[in-house]
Amino acid sequence: MKTLVATLIGPDKTGLVKQLAALIKQHHGSWQASAMSELAGHFAGIVEIRVPEEHSQALSRALTQLPEFQVQLVEGQGKAPQGQSLTLTVTANDRLGIIDEVTDILNSLNISVKTLKTDSHPAPVTGIMLFEAQSTLILPHGQTLGDLQARLEALSDDLVVDIDIA
């Protein structure tokens, strides 16, 4: 078996995920994990596919020939970061540089980002724009939750940090 990771981007329209799922199945592939979104009128996705070795080239060709899509394929490495899994939610008044500041701290502590989802939306009562980031992190052995939380909360008075052990 071979593991492929495909990234896709193209104009958003109904039926794209079905088209992708059918193509993977047609080439004896198994859909393992994915993340997909509509962003600014475009469909963007990443999908992990397990496929028998003898069908991997045909599947790769079919994926790269999807009309209107930009597709990139890589072989899976199979290496996952080691450590404790955490869920981090950061909420703050929207401003430039929040993700840069947060990831600077994560990087300095050797914390891996496994997933990241962000959104900006108006606060329910005031209408002030809020920025929210939800992520799954891998805390390496030897790092503490307290240090992470303290460093994140020191970024700004309006920043709310919520960390859960996954």
N, C-alpha and C. Protein backbone atom coordinates (compact mmCIF):
# COMPACT_ATOMS: atom_id res chain seq x y z
N MET A 1 0.84 -1.19 0.00
CA MET A 1 0.00 0.00 0.00
C MET A 1 0.88 1.25 0.00
N LYS A 2 0.36 2.28 -0.62
CA LYS A 2 1.05 3.55 -0.69
C LYS A 2 0.11 4.62 -0.14
N THR A 3 0.67 5.59 0.55
CA THR A 3 -0.12 6.71 1.04
C THR A 3 0.22 7.94 0.21
N LEU A 4 -0.83 8.57 -0.33
CA LEU A 4 -0.68 9.81 -1.08
C LEU A 4 -1.37 10.92 -0.32
N VAL A 5 -0.81 12.10 -0.38
CA VAL A 5 -1.46 13.29 0.15
C VAL A 5 -1.65 14.23 -1.03
N ALA A 6 -2.92 14.59 -1.29
CA ALA A 6 -3.27 15.45 -2.41
C ALA A 6 -3.80 16.78 -1.89
N THR A 7 -3.28 17.87 -2.42
CA THR A 7 -3.86 19.18 -2.17
C THR A 7 -4.52 19.64 -3.46
N LEU A 8 -5.70 20.24 -3.32
CA LEU A 8 -6.48 20.65 -4.48
C LEU A 8 -7.03 22.04 -4.25
N ILE A 9 -7.04 22.85 -5.30
CA ILE A 9 -7.70 24.14 -5.24
C ILE A 9 -8.30 24.42 -6.61
N GLY A 10 -9.52 24.96 -6.59
CA GLY A 10 -10.21 25.28 -7.83
C GLY A 10 -11.48 26.03 -7.54
N PRO A 11 -12.18 26.45 -8.59
CA PRO A 11 -13.44 27.17 -8.39
C PRO A 11 -14.44 26.30 -7.63
N ASP A 12 -15.13 26.90 -6.67
CA ASP A 12 -16.10 26.14 -5.88
C ASP A 12 -17.37 25.92 -6.68
N LYS A 13 -17.85 24.68 -6.66
CA LYS A 13 -19.15 24.35 -7.26
C LYS A 13 -19.66 23.06 -6.64
N THR A 14 -20.94 22.87 -6.69
CA THR A 14 -21.58 21.69 -6.12
C THR A 14 -21.05 20.42 -6.78
N GLY A 15 -20.81 19.40 -5.98
CA GLY A 15 -20.43 18.09 -6.49
C GLY A 15 -18.94 17.81 -6.55
N LEU A 16 -18.10 18.76 -6.15
CA LEU A 16 -16.65 18.55 -6.24
C LEU A 16 -16.17 17.42 -5.34
N VAL A 17 -16.66 17.39 -4.11
CA VAL A 17 -16.22 16.35 -3.18
C VAL A 17 -16.69 14.99 -3.66
N LYS A 18 -17.92 14.91 -4.19
CA LYS A 18 -18.43 13.65 -4.75
C LYS A 18 -17.56 13.21 -5.92
N GLN A 19 -17.20 14.14 -6.79
CA GLN A 19 -16.35 13.82 -7.94
C GLN A 19 -15.00 13.26 -7.47
N LEU A 20 -14.43 13.88 -6.46
CA LEU A 20 -13.15 13.43 -5.92
C LEU A 20 -13.27 12.06 -5.27
N ALA A 21 -14.33 11.86 -4.48
CA ALA A 21 -14.55 10.57 -3.81
C ALA A 21 -14.73 9.44 -4.83
N ALA A 22 -15.49 9.70 -5.88
CA ALA A 22 -15.72 8.69 -6.92
C ALA A 22 -14.42 8.34 -7.64
N LEU A 23 -13.61 9.35 -7.92
CA LEU A 23 -12.33 9.13 -8.60
C LEU A 23 -11.40 8.27 -7.75
N ILE A 24 -11.34 8.56 -6.47
CA ILE A 24 -10.49 7.78 -5.55
C ILE A 24 -10.98 6.34 -5.49
N LYS A 25 -12.27 6.14 -5.36
CA LYS A 25 -12.84 4.79 -5.30
C LYS A 25 -12.60 4.03 -6.61
N GLN A 26 -12.79 4.71 -7.73
CA GLN A 26 -12.60 4.09 -9.05
C GLN A 26 -11.18 3.54 -9.21
N HIS A 27 -10.22 4.18 -8.56
CA HIS A 27 -8.82 3.75 -8.67
C HIS A 27 -8.36 2.95 -7.45
N HIS A 28 -9.34 2.33 -6.75
CA HIS A 28 -9.08 1.42 -5.62
C HIS A 28 -8.44 2.11 -4.42
N GLY A 29 -8.63 3.41 -4.32
CA GLY A 29 -8.08 4.16 -3.20
C GLY A 29 -9.06 4.21 -2.04
N SER A 30 -8.52 4.44 -0.86
CA SER A 30 -9.32 4.57 0.36
C SER A 30 -9.07 5.95 0.96
N TRP A 31 -10.14 6.72 1.08
CA TRP A 31 -10.10 8.07 1.65
C TRP A 31 -9.83 7.93 3.13
N GLN A 32 -8.71 8.47 3.64
CA GLN A 32 -8.32 8.31 5.04
C GLN A 32 -8.68 9.52 5.90
N ALA A 33 -8.16 10.66 5.56
CA ALA A 33 -8.38 11.88 6.35
C ALA A 33 -8.39 13.06 5.39
N SER A 34 -9.09 14.13 5.78
CA SER A 34 -9.15 15.29 4.89
C SER A 34 -9.53 16.54 5.66
N ALA A 35 -9.26 17.67 5.03
CA ALA A 35 -9.72 18.98 5.49
C ALA A 35 -10.07 19.76 4.24
N MET A 36 -11.29 20.31 4.20
CA MET A 36 -11.76 21.00 3.01
C MET A 36 -12.55 22.24 3.41
N SER A 37 -12.42 23.28 2.59
CA SER A 37 -13.12 24.53 2.86
C SER A 37 -13.42 25.27 1.58
N GLU A 38 -14.44 26.13 1.66
CA GLU A 38 -14.69 27.12 0.62
C GLU A 38 -14.11 28.41 1.15
N LEU A 39 -13.22 29.01 0.38
CA LEU A 39 -12.59 30.27 0.78
C LEU A 39 -12.63 31.22 -0.40
N ALA A 40 -13.32 32.34 -0.23
CA ALA A 40 -13.37 33.40 -1.25
C ALA A 40 -13.76 32.87 -2.63
N GLY A 41 -14.74 31.95 -2.66
CA GLY A 41 -15.23 31.42 -3.93
C GLY A 41 -14.43 30.27 -4.50
N HIS A 42 -13.42 29.84 -3.78
CA HIS A 42 -12.61 28.71 -4.22
C HIS A 42 -12.78 27.54 -3.26
N PHE A 43 -12.68 26.34 -3.81
CA PHE A 43 -12.66 25.12 -3.01
C PHE A 43 -11.19 24.80 -2.76
N ALA A 44 -10.84 24.56 -1.51
CA ALA A 44 -9.47 24.18 -1.16
C ALA A 44 -9.55 22.94 -0.28
N GLY A 45 -8.75 21.94 -0.61
CA GLY A 45 -8.80 20.72 0.18
C GLY A 45 -7.47 20.00 0.20
N ILE A 46 -7.36 19.16 1.22
CA ILE A 46 -6.22 18.26 1.34
C ILE A 46 -6.79 16.92 1.78
N VAL A 47 -6.34 15.86 1.14
CA VAL A 47 -6.87 14.53 1.45
C VAL A 47 -5.74 13.51 1.47
N GLU A 48 -5.79 12.63 2.47
CA GLU A 48 -4.85 11.52 2.58
C GLU A 48 -5.53 10.28 2.00
N ILE A 49 -4.84 9.61 1.09
CA ILE A 49 -5.41 8.46 0.38
C ILE A 49 -4.47 7.27 0.51
N ARG A 50 -5.02 6.12 0.86
CA ARG A 50 -4.26 4.85 0.83
C ARG A 50 -4.69 4.13 -0.44
N VAL A 51 -3.72 3.66 -1.21
CA VAL A 51 -4.01 3.02 -2.48
C VAL A 51 -3.00 1.89 -2.70
N PRO A 52 -3.47 0.74 -3.25
CA PRO A 52 -2.53 -0.33 -3.58
C PRO A 52 -1.45 0.19 -4.54
N GLU A 53 -0.24 -0.25 -4.33
CA GLU A 53 0.91 0.19 -5.12
C GLU A 53 0.62 0.14 -6.63
N GLU A 54 -0.02 -0.94 -7.08
CA GLU A 54 -0.25 -1.12 -8.52
C GLU A 54 -1.26 -0.14 -9.10
N HIS A 55 -2.01 0.58 -8.26
CA HIS A 55 -3.00 1.55 -8.74
C HIS A 55 -2.58 3.00 -8.47
N SER A 56 -1.45 3.20 -7.81
CA SER A 56 -1.08 4.55 -7.38
C SER A 56 -0.75 5.49 -8.55
N GLN A 57 -0.09 4.99 -9.58
CA GLN A 57 0.25 5.87 -10.71
C GLN A 57 -1.00 6.29 -11.47
N ALA A 58 -1.92 5.36 -11.68
CA ALA A 58 -3.16 5.71 -12.40
C ALA A 58 -3.98 6.72 -11.60
N LEU A 59 -4.06 6.53 -10.28
CA LEU A 59 -4.78 7.48 -9.44
C LEU A 59 -4.09 8.84 -9.48
N SER A 60 -2.79 8.85 -9.39
CA SER A 60 -2.04 10.12 -9.43
C SER A 60 -2.31 10.86 -10.74
N ARG A 61 -2.28 10.15 -11.86
CA ARG A 61 -2.56 10.77 -13.16
C ARG A 61 -3.97 11.33 -13.20
N ALA A 62 -4.94 10.55 -12.73
CA ALA A 62 -6.34 10.99 -12.75
C ALA A 62 -6.55 12.23 -11.88
N LEU A 63 -5.91 12.27 -10.73
CA LEU A 63 -6.06 13.43 -9.85
C LEU A 63 -5.47 14.69 -10.49
N THR A 64 -4.29 14.56 -11.09
CA THR A 64 -3.65 15.74 -11.68
C THR A 64 -4.36 16.21 -12.95
N GLN A 65 -5.23 15.37 -13.52
CA GLN A 65 -5.97 15.76 -14.72
C GLN A 65 -7.38 16.25 -14.42
N LEU A 66 -7.72 16.43 -13.14
CA LEU A 66 -9.04 16.97 -12.81
C LEU A 66 -9.18 18.36 -13.43
N PRO A 67 -10.26 18.57 -14.21
CA PRO A 67 -10.41 19.87 -14.86
C PRO A 67 -10.61 20.99 -13.84
N GLU A 68 -10.02 22.13 -14.11
CA GLU A 68 -10.15 23.36 -13.32
C GLU A 68 -9.46 23.31 -11.95
N PHE A 69 -8.76 22.22 -11.64
CA PHE A 69 -8.10 22.10 -10.35
C PHE A 69 -6.59 22.24 -10.49
N GLN A 70 -5.98 22.85 -9.50
CA GLN A 70 -4.54 22.77 -9.33
C GLN A 70 -4.34 21.68 -8.28
N VAL A 71 -3.60 20.64 -8.62
CA VAL A 71 -3.42 19.49 -7.73
C VAL A 71 -1.93 19.28 -7.50
N GLN A 72 -1.59 19.04 -6.25
CA GLN A 72 -0.21 18.67 -5.92
C GLN A 72 -0.28 17.37 -5.13
N LEU A 73 0.59 16.43 -5.46
CA LEU A 73 0.64 15.12 -4.80
C LEU A 73 2.01 14.88 -4.18
N VAL A 74 2.00 14.30 -2.99
CA VAL A 74 3.23 13.85 -2.35
C VAL A 74 2.95 12.50 -1.71
N GLU A 75 4.01 11.71 -1.52
CA GLU A 75 3.86 10.44 -0.81
C GLU A 75 3.92 10.70 0.68
N GLY A 76 3.07 9.97 1.42
CA GLY A 76 3.04 10.10 2.87
C GLY A 76 4.34 9.61 3.49
N GLN A 77 4.74 10.25 4.58
CA GLN A 77 5.97 9.91 5.29
C GLN A 77 5.72 8.95 6.44
N GLY A 78 4.53 8.99 7.02
CA GLY A 78 4.20 8.09 8.12
C GLY A 78 4.77 8.49 9.46
N LYS A 79 5.41 9.65 9.56
CA LYS A 79 6.00 10.09 10.82
C LYS A 79 5.07 11.11 11.48
N ALA A 80 4.62 10.82 12.69
CA ALA A 80 3.80 11.77 13.44
C ALA A 80 4.63 12.32 14.59
N PRO A 81 4.47 13.60 14.90
CA PRO A 81 5.20 14.15 16.05
C PRO A 81 4.82 13.43 17.34
N GLN A 82 5.78 13.30 18.24
CA GLN A 82 5.55 12.64 19.52
C GLN A 82 5.28 13.67 20.60
N GLY A 83 4.36 13.34 21.51
CA GLY A 83 4.06 14.23 22.62
C GLY A 83 2.59 14.17 22.98
N GLN A 84 2.18 15.13 23.80
CA GLN A 84 0.81 15.19 24.30
C GLN A 84 -0.04 16.03 23.35
N SER A 85 -1.22 15.52 22.99
CA SER A 85 -2.13 16.23 22.10
C SER A 85 -2.98 17.22 22.90
N LEU A 86 -3.05 18.46 22.39
CA LEU A 86 -3.81 19.53 23.04
C LEU A 86 -4.73 20.19 22.04
N THR A 87 -5.83 20.74 22.53
CA THR A 87 -6.68 21.59 21.72
C THR A 87 -6.54 23.01 22.25
N LEU A 88 -6.18 23.94 21.39
CA LEU A 88 -5.97 25.33 21.77
C LEU A 88 -6.98 26.21 21.03
N THR A 89 -7.67 27.06 21.78
CA THR A 89 -8.54 28.08 21.19
C THR A 89 -8.05 29.43 21.68
N VAL A 90 -7.82 30.33 20.74
CA VAL A 90 -7.38 31.69 21.04
C VAL A 90 -8.41 32.64 20.44
N THR A 91 -8.93 33.55 21.26
CA THR A 91 -9.89 34.55 20.79
C THR A 91 -9.39 35.93 21.21
N ALA A 92 -9.47 36.88 20.28
CA ALA A 92 -9.01 38.24 20.57
C ALA A 92 -9.71 39.22 19.63
N ASN A 93 -9.64 40.51 19.98
CA ASN A 93 -10.08 41.52 19.03
C ASN A 93 -9.22 41.37 17.79
N ASP A 94 -9.85 41.40 16.62
CA ASP A 94 -9.12 41.17 15.38
C ASP A 94 -8.11 42.29 15.14
N ARG A 95 -6.89 41.90 14.83
CA ARG A 95 -5.81 42.83 14.51
C ARG A 95 -4.76 42.08 13.69
N LEU A 96 -3.89 42.82 13.09
CA LEU A 96 -2.81 42.21 12.30
C LEU A 96 -1.85 41.44 13.20
N GLY A 97 -1.40 40.28 12.72
CA GLY A 97 -0.28 39.59 13.35
C GLY A 97 -0.59 38.58 14.44
N ILE A 98 -1.86 38.30 14.72
CA ILE A 98 -2.16 37.38 15.81
C ILE A 98 -1.55 36.00 15.56
N ILE A 99 -1.77 35.44 14.38
CA ILE A 99 -1.24 34.10 14.09
C ILE A 99 0.29 34.12 14.10
N ASP A 100 0.89 35.18 13.59
CA ASP A 100 2.35 35.28 13.62
C ASP A 100 2.87 35.25 15.06
N GLU A 101 2.22 35.99 15.95
CA GLU A 101 2.65 36.03 17.35
C GLU A 101 2.44 34.68 18.04
N VAL A 102 1.29 34.06 17.81
CA VAL A 102 0.99 32.77 18.44
C VAL A 102 1.96 31.70 17.94
N THR A 103 2.17 31.64 16.64
CA THR A 103 3.05 30.60 16.10
C THR A 103 4.51 30.85 16.46
N ASP A 104 4.88 32.10 16.71
CA ASP A 104 6.23 32.40 17.19
C ASP A 104 6.45 31.73 18.54
N ILE A 105 5.45 31.82 19.42
CA ILE A 105 5.55 31.17 20.74
C ILE A 105 5.56 29.65 20.58
N LEU A 106 4.66 29.12 19.75
CA LEU A 106 4.62 27.67 19.55
C LEU A 106 5.96 27.16 19.03
N ASN A 107 6.51 27.87 18.06
CA ASN A 107 7.80 27.48 17.48
C ASN A 107 8.92 27.52 18.53
N SER A 108 8.92 28.55 19.37
CA SER A 108 9.98 28.67 20.38
C SER A 108 9.91 27.55 21.41
N LEU A 109 8.73 26.94 21.58
CA LEU A 109 8.56 25.83 22.52
C LEU A 109 8.59 24.47 21.82
N ASN A 110 8.91 24.46 20.51
CA ASN A 110 8.95 23.23 19.70
C ASN A 110 7.62 22.50 19.67
N ILE A 111 6.53 23.26 19.70
CA ILE A 111 5.18 22.68 19.67
C ILE A 111 4.74 22.58 18.21
N SER A 112 4.29 21.38 17.80
CA SER A 112 3.84 21.15 16.43
C SER A 112 2.36 21.48 16.29
N VAL A 113 2.01 22.11 15.18
CA VAL A 113 0.61 22.39 14.85
C VAL A 113 0.11 21.26 13.97
N LYS A 114 -0.86 20.51 14.47
CA LYS A 114 -1.43 19.40 13.71
C LYS A 114 -2.59 19.89 12.84
N THR A 115 -3.46 20.74 13.41
CA THR A 115 -4.54 21.35 12.64
C THR A 115 -4.67 22.81 13.06
N LEU A 116 -5.18 23.64 12.16
CA LEU A 116 -5.42 25.04 12.46
C LEU A 116 -6.62 25.51 11.65
N LYS A 117 -7.58 26.11 12.34
CA LYS A 117 -8.75 26.69 11.69
C LYS A 117 -8.94 28.08 12.28
N THR A 118 -9.09 29.08 11.42
CA THR A 118 -9.25 30.45 11.88
C THR A 118 -10.51 31.07 11.28
N ASP A 119 -11.01 32.09 11.97
CA ASP A 119 -12.19 32.80 11.49
C ASP A 119 -12.23 34.18 12.12
N SER A 120 -12.79 35.14 11.41
CA SER A 120 -13.07 36.47 11.95
C SER A 120 -14.57 36.68 11.86
N HIS A 121 -15.15 37.22 12.93
CA HIS A 121 -16.59 37.45 12.96
C HIS A 121 -16.91 38.55 13.97
N PRO A 122 -18.06 39.24 13.79
CA PRO A 122 -18.41 40.30 14.74
C PRO A 122 -18.85 39.71 16.08
N ALA A 123 -18.49 40.39 17.17
CA ALA A 123 -18.94 39.99 18.50
C ALA A 123 -20.45 40.17 18.57
N PRO A 124 -21.17 39.27 19.27
CA PRO A 124 -22.63 39.32 19.30
C PRO A 124 -23.22 40.64 19.78
N VAL A 125 -22.70 41.23 20.82
CA VAL A 125 -23.31 42.43 21.40
C VAL A 125 -22.71 43.71 20.82
N THR A 126 -21.39 43.79 20.77
CA THR A 126 -20.73 45.03 20.37
C THR A 126 -20.51 45.18 18.87
N GLY A 127 -20.45 44.07 18.17
CA GLY A 127 -20.17 44.11 16.74
C GLY A 127 -18.70 44.28 16.41
N ILE A 128 -17.85 44.38 17.44
CA ILE A 128 -16.40 44.49 17.21
C ILE A 128 -15.92 43.18 16.58
N MET A 129 -15.04 43.29 15.60
CA MET A 129 -14.53 42.09 14.93
C MET A 129 -13.62 41.30 15.87
N LEU A 130 -13.93 40.00 15.98
CA LEU A 130 -13.14 39.08 16.78
C LEU A 130 -12.41 38.12 15.86
N PHE A 131 -11.24 37.72 16.27
CA PHE A 131 -10.46 36.70 15.56
C PHE A 131 -10.42 35.48 16.46
N GLU A 132 -10.69 34.31 15.87
CA GLU A 132 -10.64 33.07 16.65
C GLU A 132 -9.80 32.05 15.90
N ALA A 133 -8.91 31.40 16.62
CA ALA A 133 -8.08 30.33 16.06
C ALA A 133 -8.28 29.09 16.92
N GLN A 134 -8.60 27.98 16.26
CA GLN A 134 -8.73 26.69 16.94
C GLN A 134 -7.69 25.77 16.33
N SER A 135 -6.93 25.11 17.20
CA SER A 135 -5.88 24.25 16.68
C SER A 135 -5.69 23.02 17.56
N THR A 136 -5.17 21.99 16.93
CA THR A 136 -4.72 20.81 17.65
C THR A 136 -3.20 20.86 17.62
N LEU A 137 -2.61 20.73 18.79
CA LEU A 137 -1.16 20.86 18.93
C LEU A 137 -0.56 19.59 19.52
N ILE A 138 0.72 19.39 19.27
CA ILE A 138 1.47 18.31 19.92
C ILE A 138 2.52 18.98 20.82
N LEU A 139 2.31 18.84 22.12
CA LEU A 139 3.22 19.39 23.12
C LEU A 139 4.33 18.37 23.35
N PRO A 140 5.59 18.73 23.04
CA PRO A 140 6.67 17.75 23.20
C PRO A 140 6.93 17.44 24.67
N HIS A 141 7.48 16.27 24.90
CA HIS A 141 7.84 15.87 26.26
C HIS A 141 8.79 16.92 26.84
N GLY A 142 8.55 17.30 28.08
CA GLY A 142 9.39 18.29 28.74
C GLY A 142 8.82 19.69 28.75
N GLN A 143 7.83 19.97 27.90
CA GLN A 143 7.16 21.28 27.90
C GLN A 143 5.94 21.21 28.81
N THR A 144 5.58 22.35 29.41
CA THR A 144 4.44 22.36 30.32
C THR A 144 3.31 23.23 29.76
N LEU A 145 2.09 22.85 30.11
CA LEU A 145 0.91 23.63 29.71
C LEU A 145 0.95 25.03 30.32
N GLY A 146 1.39 25.12 31.56
CA GLY A 146 1.43 26.41 32.24
C GLY A 146 2.30 27.42 31.53
N ASP A 147 3.47 26.99 31.05
CA ASP A 147 4.37 27.88 30.33
C ASP A 147 3.73 28.35 29.03
N LEU A 148 3.11 27.43 28.31
CA LEU A 148 2.44 27.78 27.06
C LEU A 148 1.33 28.80 27.32
N GLN A 149 0.47 28.52 28.29
CA GLN A 149 -0.65 29.41 28.57
C GLN A 149 -0.16 30.79 29.01
N ALA A 150 0.81 30.84 29.89
CA ALA A 150 1.32 32.13 30.37
C ALA A 150 1.90 32.97 29.24
N ARG A 151 2.66 32.34 28.37
CA ARG A 151 3.28 33.08 27.26
C ARG A 151 2.24 33.58 26.27
N LEU A 152 1.21 32.77 26.00
CA LEU A 152 0.15 33.21 25.09
C LEU A 152 -0.66 34.35 25.70
N GLU A 153 -1.03 34.23 26.97
CA GLU A 153 -1.83 35.27 27.62
C GLU A 153 -1.06 36.58 27.75
N ALA A 154 0.26 36.54 27.77
CA ALA A 154 1.07 37.75 27.86
C ALA A 154 1.09 38.55 26.54
N LEU A 155 0.58 37.97 25.47
CA LEU A 155 0.59 38.66 24.18
C LEU A 155 -0.28 39.91 24.19
N SER A 156 -1.45 39.85 24.86
CA SER A 156 -2.39 40.96 24.82
C SER A 156 -3.42 40.82 25.93
N ASP A 157 -3.89 41.94 26.45
CA ASP A 157 -4.90 41.92 27.50
C ASP A 157 -6.24 41.36 27.02
N ASP A 158 -6.53 41.51 25.73
CA ASP A 158 -7.83 41.06 25.21
C ASP A 158 -7.80 39.63 24.68
N LEU A 159 -6.67 38.96 24.77
CA LEU A 159 -6.53 37.61 24.23
C LEU A 159 -7.01 36.58 25.26
N VAL A 160 -7.96 35.74 24.86
CA VAL A 160 -8.49 34.67 25.71
C VAL A 160 -7.91 33.36 25.21
N VAL A 161 -7.30 32.60 26.11
CA VAL A 161 -6.65 31.34 25.77
C VAL A 161 -7.37 30.20 26.48
N ASP A 162 -7.76 29.19 25.73
CA ASP A 162 -8.39 27.99 26.30
C ASP A 162 -7.61 26.78 25.80
N ILE A 163 -7.06 25.99 26.72
CA ILE A 163 -6.29 24.80 26.36
C ILE A 163 -6.94 23.59 27.01
N ASP A 164 -7.23 22.59 26.20
CA ASP A 164 -7.78 21.32 26.69
C ASP A 164 -6.85 20.19 26.28
N ILE A 165 -6.70 19.21 27.17
CA ILE A 165 -5.93 18.02 26.83
C ILE A 165 -6.82 17.13 26.00
N ALA A 166 -6.35 16.79 24.81
CA ALA A 166 -7.17 16.00 23.87
C ALA A 166 -7.15 14.53 24.22
